[in-house]
Amino acid sequence: MSKRDTDPKSLKDVLGAFVTDNKLQKGMDKVDVAQAWANVMGPAIVKYTTQTKLDGDRLFVQLSSSVLRAELAYGNERIIANLNEELGRELIKKLILR
């Protein structure tokens, strides 16, 4: 019979260690970024979003509307700042709209 670890740990610490040990952080970041895009941009923009892809510190967003793409390009820096704020860390450095 194995002895239980008597040192209490928070669930957050245990899950964080699991993610790190199994090298799952990149996958978690991709899911977090897609959710952050939806939260920050709202349903009107999400409706025209066909794909979000995180590659390193670059976020590629494919939009079905060229007019919307041009509009969003003007607020590129602000969108990056809002997404990083939503994520709680500086994950995105560059936003590429396609």
Protein backbone atom coordinates (compact mmCIF):
# COMPACT_ATOMS: atom_id res chain seq x y z
CA MET A 1 0.00 0.00 0.00
CA SER A 2 1.38 3.44 -0.92
CA LYS A 3 1.55 6.24 1.56
CA ARG A 4 -0.37 9.38 0.65
CA ASP A 5 1.46 12.65 0.31
CA THR A 6 0.66 14.51 3.52
CA ASP A 7 1.75 17.90 2.18
CA PRO A 8 -1.50 19.65 1.18
CA LYS A 9 -1.49 21.22 -2.29
CA SER A 10 -4.07 23.34 -4.04
CA LEU A 11 -5.86 21.92 -7.05
CA LYS A 12 -4.44 24.79 -9.12
CA ASP A 13 -0.87 23.77 -8.19
CA VAL A 14 -1.51 20.09 -8.92
CA LEU A 15 -3.11 20.81 -12.32
CA GLY A 16 -0.37 23.32 -13.16
CA ALA A 17 2.29 20.70 -12.43
CA PHE A 18 0.38 18.15 -14.54
CA VAL A 19 0.21 20.55 -17.51
CA THR A 20 3.93 21.35 -17.18
CA ASP A 21 5.04 17.73 -16.70
CA ASN A 22 3.10 16.57 -19.75
CA LYS A 23 4.07 19.56 -21.95
CA LEU A 24 0.44 20.56 -22.48
CA GLN A 25 0.86 24.35 -22.13
CA LYS A 26 0.95 25.08 -25.89
CA GLY A 27 -2.36 23.26 -26.39
CA MET A 28 -3.89 25.01 -23.41
CA ASP A 29 -2.71 28.38 -24.78
CA LYS A 30 -4.41 27.69 -28.12
CA VAL A 31 -7.72 26.96 -26.40
CA ASP A 32 -7.32 30.00 -24.11
CA VAL A 33 -6.59 32.31 -27.06
CA ALA A 34 -9.63 31.15 -29.02
CA GLN A 35 -11.82 31.77 -25.96
CA ALA A 36 -10.18 35.16 -25.30
CA TRP A 37 -10.83 36.20 -28.94
CA ALA A 38 -14.52 35.37 -28.51
CA ASN A 39 -14.74 37.20 -25.16
CA VAL A 40 -12.88 40.33 -26.26
CA MET A 41 -14.29 40.71 -29.77
CA GLY A 42 -17.88 39.71 -29.08
CA PRO A 43 -20.42 37.75 -31.13
CA ALA A 44 -20.64 40.22 -34.03
CA ILE A 45 -16.95 39.75 -34.92
CA VAL A 46 -16.83 36.07 -33.97
CA LYS A 47 -19.55 35.48 -36.57
CA TYR A 48 -17.05 36.53 -39.28
CA THR A 49 -14.09 34.67 -37.73
CA THR A 50 -13.38 31.43 -39.57
CA GLN A 51 -10.16 30.43 -37.80
CA THR A 52 -7.81 31.45 -34.97
CA LYS A 53 -4.34 29.95 -34.80
CA LEU A 54 -1.62 30.65 -32.26
CA ASP A 55 1.92 30.12 -33.56
CA GLY A 56 4.47 31.03 -30.91
CA ASP A 57 3.68 34.64 -29.95
CA ARG A 58 1.78 35.36 -33.19
CA LEU A 59 -2.00 35.06 -33.47
CA PHE A 60 -3.36 34.42 -36.95
CA VAL A 61 -7.05 35.25 -37.36
CA GLN A 62 -8.90 34.41 -40.55
CA LEU A 63 -11.94 36.58 -41.26
CA SER A 64 -14.59 36.07 -43.91
CA SER A 65 -15.09 39.82 -44.41
CA SER A 66 -12.39 41.95 -46.06
CA VAL A 67 -14.13 45.12 -44.86
CA LEU A 68 -14.02 43.92 -41.24
CA ARG A 69 -10.38 42.87 -41.68
CA ALA A 70 -9.49 46.41 -42.82
CA GLU A 71 -11.42 47.96 -39.91
CA LEU A 72 -9.75 45.73 -37.31
CA ALA A 73 -6.28 46.38 -38.75
CA TYR A 74 -6.52 49.98 -37.49
CA GLY A 75 -6.95 48.78 -33.90
CA ASN A 76 -4.32 46.04 -34.06
CA GLU A 77 -2.27 47.19 -31.02
CA ARG A 78 -5.38 47.71 -28.89
CA ILE A 79 -6.73 44.26 -29.78
CA ILE A 80 -3.42 42.66 -28.77
CA ALA A 81 -3.45 44.54 -25.45
CA ASN A 82 -7.07 43.53 -24.75
CA LEU A 83 -6.40 39.88 -25.60
CA ASN A 84 -3.31 39.75 -23.37
CA GLU A 85 -5.28 41.38 -20.56
CA GLU A 86 -8.03 38.77 -20.96
CA LEU A 87 -5.40 35.99 -20.92
CA GLY A 88 -3.75 37.47 -17.83
CA ARG A 89 -0.27 37.44 -19.37
CA GLU A 90 1.75 38.71 -22.34
CA LEU A 91 1.18 35.78 -24.70
CA ILE A 92 0.43 37.55 -28.01
CA LYS A 93 2.99 39.94 -29.51
CA LYS A 94 1.72 40.10 -33.09
CA LEU A 95 -1.75 39.85 -34.64
CA ILE A 96 -2.05 38.83 -38.28
CA LEU A 97 -5.48 39.27 -39.86
CA ARG A 98 -6.19 37.25 -42.98
